[in-house]
């Protein structure tokens, strides 16, 4: 299974509020981002949460 498939499973399993937050943080639909952009965004969100 590739990283893109894992990202789709991850975002597909989110409740709508979390998905909307992720889309808003991405500046639009997360589906329009590259795998690397999504990975960086999630890493930044995690760092912000724990710093």
N, C-alpha and C. Protein backbone atom coordinates (compact mmCIF):
# COMPACT_ATOMS: atom_id res chain seq x y z
N UNK A 1 0.86 -1.18 0.00
CA UNK A 1 0.00 0.00 0.00
C UNK A 1 0.90 1.23 0.00
N UNK A 2 0.59 2.17 -0.89
CA UNK A 2 1.39 3.38 -1.01
C UNK A 2 0.95 4.47 -0.05
N UNK A 3 1.76 5.52 0.04
CA UNK A 3 1.49 6.62 0.96
C UNK A 3 0.20 7.34 0.59
N UNK A 4 -0.09 7.47 -0.70
CA UNK A 4 -1.31 8.16 -1.11
C UNK A 4 -2.54 7.39 -0.65
N UNK A 5 -2.49 6.08 -0.76
CA UNK A 5 -3.61 5.26 -0.30
C UNK A 5 -3.78 5.37 1.22
N UNK A 6 -2.66 5.40 1.94
CA UNK A 6 -2.73 5.56 3.40
C UNK A 6 -3.33 6.92 3.77
N UNK A 7 -2.95 7.98 3.05
CA UNK A 7 -3.49 9.31 3.31
C UNK A 7 -5.00 9.32 3.06
N UNK A 8 -5.44 8.66 1.99
CA UNK A 8 -6.87 8.61 1.69
C UNK A 8 -7.64 7.87 2.77
N UNK A 9 -7.07 6.78 3.27
CA UNK A 9 -7.71 6.04 4.36
C UNK A 9 -7.76 6.90 5.62
N UNK A 10 -6.66 7.58 5.91
CA UNK A 10 -6.57 8.43 7.10
C UNK A 10 -7.62 9.55 7.04
N UNK A 11 -7.64 10.29 5.94
CA UNK A 11 -8.58 11.41 5.85
C UNK A 11 -10.02 10.92 5.69
N UNK A 12 -10.20 9.79 5.04
CA UNK A 12 -11.53 9.23 4.86
C UNK A 12 -12.16 8.77 6.16
N UNK A 13 -11.33 8.43 7.13
CA UNK A 13 -11.83 7.97 8.42
C UNK A 13 -12.10 9.08 9.42
N UNK A 14 -11.81 10.32 9.03
CA UNK A 14 -12.01 11.45 9.94
C UNK A 14 -13.48 11.82 10.03
N UNK A 15 -13.87 12.35 11.19
CA UNK A 15 -15.20 12.93 11.29
C UNK A 15 -15.18 14.24 10.50
N UNK A 16 -16.33 14.68 10.06
CA UNK A 16 -16.42 15.82 9.14
C UNK A 16 -15.78 17.08 9.71
N UNK A 17 -15.91 17.32 11.01
CA UNK A 17 -15.32 18.53 11.60
C UNK A 17 -13.79 18.51 11.49
N UNK A 18 -13.19 17.35 11.70
CA UNK A 18 -11.73 17.26 11.59
C UNK A 18 -11.29 17.40 10.14
N UNK A 19 -12.06 16.82 9.24
CA UNK A 19 -11.74 16.93 7.81
C UNK A 19 -11.85 18.39 7.37
N UNK A 20 -12.87 19.10 7.83
CA UNK A 20 -13.03 20.51 7.48
C UNK A 20 -11.88 21.34 8.04
N UNK A 21 -11.43 21.02 9.25
CA UNK A 21 -10.29 21.72 9.85
C UNK A 21 -9.03 21.47 9.03
N UNK A 22 -8.83 20.25 8.61
CA UNK A 22 -7.66 19.91 7.79
C UNK A 22 -7.72 20.64 6.45
N UNK A 23 -8.88 20.66 5.82
CA UNK A 23 -9.04 21.38 4.55
C UNK A 23 -8.78 22.87 4.73
N UNK A 24 -9.31 23.44 5.81
CA UNK A 24 -9.10 24.87 6.08
C UNK A 24 -7.62 25.17 6.30
N UNK A 25 -6.95 24.31 7.02
CA UNK A 25 -5.52 24.49 7.27
C UNK A 25 -4.71 24.37 5.99
N UNK A 26 -5.21 23.58 5.05
CA UNK A 26 -4.53 23.38 3.77
C UNK A 26 -4.82 24.50 2.78
N UNK A 27 -5.75 25.38 3.12
CA UNK A 27 -6.11 26.45 2.21
C UNK A 27 -6.99 25.98 1.07
N UNK A 28 -7.70 24.91 1.30
CA UNK A 28 -8.59 24.32 0.29
C UNK A 28 -8.66 22.82 0.51
N UNK A 29 -9.24 22.15 -0.44
CA UNK A 29 -9.39 20.70 -0.31
C UNK A 29 -8.05 20.00 -0.19
N UNK A 30 -7.95 19.13 0.77
CA UNK A 30 -6.73 18.36 0.98
C UNK A 30 -6.46 17.47 -0.24
N UNK A 31 -7.51 17.14 -0.98
CA UNK A 31 -7.36 16.29 -2.17
C UNK A 31 -6.58 16.98 -3.29
N UNK A 32 -6.48 18.31 -3.23
CA UNK A 32 -5.75 19.04 -4.28
C UNK A 32 -4.27 19.19 -3.95
N UNK A 33 -3.85 18.68 -2.82
CA UNK A 33 -2.46 18.79 -2.39
C UNK A 33 -1.67 17.54 -2.76
N UNK A 34 -0.35 17.72 -2.87
CA UNK A 34 0.51 16.57 -3.11
C UNK A 34 0.68 15.79 -1.81
N UNK A 35 1.15 14.58 -1.94
CA UNK A 35 1.39 13.76 -0.76
C UNK A 35 2.35 14.45 0.19
N UNK A 36 3.39 15.06 -0.35
CA UNK A 36 4.38 15.74 0.49
C UNK A 36 3.76 16.94 1.20
N UNK A 37 2.91 17.69 0.52
CA UNK A 37 2.24 18.84 1.15
C UNK A 37 1.34 18.39 2.29
N UNK A 38 0.62 17.30 2.08
CA UNK A 38 -0.26 16.77 3.13
C UNK A 38 0.56 16.31 4.32
N UNK A 39 1.63 15.61 4.06
CA UNK A 39 2.51 15.12 5.14
C UNK A 39 3.06 16.30 5.95
N UNK A 40 3.55 17.32 5.26
CA UNK A 40 4.09 18.50 5.95
C UNK A 40 3.02 19.21 6.77
N UNK A 41 1.83 19.33 6.21
CA UNK A 41 0.73 19.99 6.92
C UNK A 41 0.38 19.24 8.21
N UNK A 42 0.26 17.93 8.12
CA UNK A 42 -0.08 17.13 9.30
C UNK A 42 1.04 17.21 10.34
N UNK A 43 2.29 17.19 9.89
CA UNK A 43 3.42 17.32 10.82
C UNK A 43 3.39 18.67 11.52
N UNK A 44 3.11 19.74 10.78
CA UNK A 44 3.03 21.08 11.37
C UNK A 44 1.90 21.17 12.38
N UNK A 45 0.75 20.58 12.05
CA UNK A 45 -0.38 20.60 12.96
C UNK A 45 -0.05 19.85 14.25
N UNK A 46 0.65 18.74 14.13
CA UNK A 46 1.04 17.97 15.32
C UNK A 46 2.04 18.75 16.17
N UNK A 47 3.00 19.41 15.52
CA UNK A 47 3.98 20.20 16.26
C UNK A 47 3.30 21.35 16.99
N UNK A 48 2.36 22.01 16.34
CA UNK A 48 1.64 23.12 16.97
C UNK A 48 0.84 22.64 18.17
N UNK A 49 0.31 21.44 18.10
CA UNK A 49 -0.49 20.88 19.18
C UNK A 49 0.36 20.59 20.41
N UNK A 50 1.60 20.17 20.20
CA UNK A 50 2.42 19.72 21.32
C UNK A 50 3.51 20.69 21.71
N UNK A 51 3.55 21.87 21.11
CA UNK A 51 4.55 22.89 21.49
C UNK A 51 3.90 24.04 22.19
